[in-house]
Protein backbone atom coordinates (compact mmCIF):
# COMPACT_ATOMS: atom_id res chain seq x y z
CA MET A 1 20.40 10.54 -56.61
CA ILE A 2 21.81 12.89 -53.75
CA CYS A 3 20.61 12.01 -50.35
CA THR A 4 20.33 15.04 -47.90
CA HIS A 5 18.94 13.11 -44.89
CA LEU A 6 22.48 12.49 -43.59
CA SER A 7 23.88 16.05 -44.11
CA ASP A 8 20.43 17.59 -42.59
CA ARG A 9 21.21 15.26 -39.56
CA PHE A 10 24.62 16.61 -39.04
CA ALA A 11 23.24 20.22 -39.54
CA TRP A 12 20.87 19.94 -36.70
CA VAL A 13 21.74 17.06 -34.35
CA LYS A 14 24.71 18.19 -32.18
CA ASP A 15 25.40 15.16 -30.02
CA GLU A 16 26.95 11.69 -30.83
CA SER A 17 23.65 10.24 -31.89
CA ARG A 18 24.10 11.89 -35.28
CA PHE A 19 26.48 8.94 -36.06
CA LEU A 20 23.64 6.30 -35.61
CA ALA A 21 22.71 6.78 -39.24
CA GLY A 22 25.09 5.72 -41.95
CA ASP A 23 27.94 3.26 -42.39
CA TRP A 24 30.80 4.54 -40.46
CA SER A 25 34.54 3.27 -39.99
CA THR A 26 37.54 4.82 -38.52
CA ALA A 27 40.56 6.45 -40.39
CA VAL A 28 44.01 5.68 -39.28
CA THR A 29 43.94 8.96 -37.42
CA GLY A 30 40.98 7.85 -35.47
CA ALA A 31 38.64 10.04 -37.15
CA PRO A 32 35.15 8.73 -38.18
CA VAL A 33 34.78 8.05 -41.90
CA LEU A 34 31.50 7.64 -43.75
CA GLU A 35 32.02 4.41 -46.00
CA SER A 36 29.81 5.52 -48.73
CA ALA A 37 31.71 8.75 -49.21
CA ALA A 38 33.25 9.18 -52.62
CA ALA A 39 36.33 10.67 -51.11
CA TRP A 40 37.43 12.00 -47.63
CA LEU A 41 40.17 14.06 -46.11
CA ASP A 42 41.15 14.20 -42.38
CA CYS A 43 43.02 17.42 -41.69
CA THR A 44 44.68 19.37 -38.88
CA ILE A 45 43.57 22.93 -38.81
CA ARG A 46 46.47 25.21 -39.62
CA SER A 47 44.99 28.49 -39.80
CA ARG A 48 41.47 30.38 -39.54
CA SER A 49 40.77 33.61 -41.32
CA PRO A 50 37.54 35.59 -41.43
CA ALA A 51 35.84 35.77 -44.76
CA GLY A 52 32.77 38.00 -44.63
CA THR A 53 30.09 35.88 -42.75
CA HIS A 54 32.15 32.88 -43.00
CA THR A 55 35.48 31.51 -41.87
CA LEU A 56 38.04 30.07 -44.22
CA PHE A 57 40.06 27.11 -42.61
CA VAL A 58 43.40 25.88 -44.09
CA GLY A 59 44.26 22.32 -43.08
CA GLU A 60 47.11 19.80 -43.48
CA VAL A 61 46.04 16.42 -44.73
CA GLN A 62 46.87 13.84 -42.25
CA ALA A 63 44.87 10.93 -44.11
CA SER A 64 42.69 10.42 -47.04
CA ARG A 65 40.98 7.99 -49.40
C-alpha cells in the first residue's frame, strides 16, 4: 500500500514541522533520511536546466543506501 500522507505533508507544509511525521535519521552528510524509504540519494546539485514548465536538476551523489 502506498501512503501519500507524508508526500502530501512535504508538498504543503513548508517549515521544519514537516519532519514531525515519519521515522527520520541522518545520513553521513547530515541530510535527513526517511528510515522506511526503499532507497535514497543525497546529491550536490551540479547543474539546472529549464525543461518546459519544469526544471531538470543534475546532481553528484554524495551518499546513498
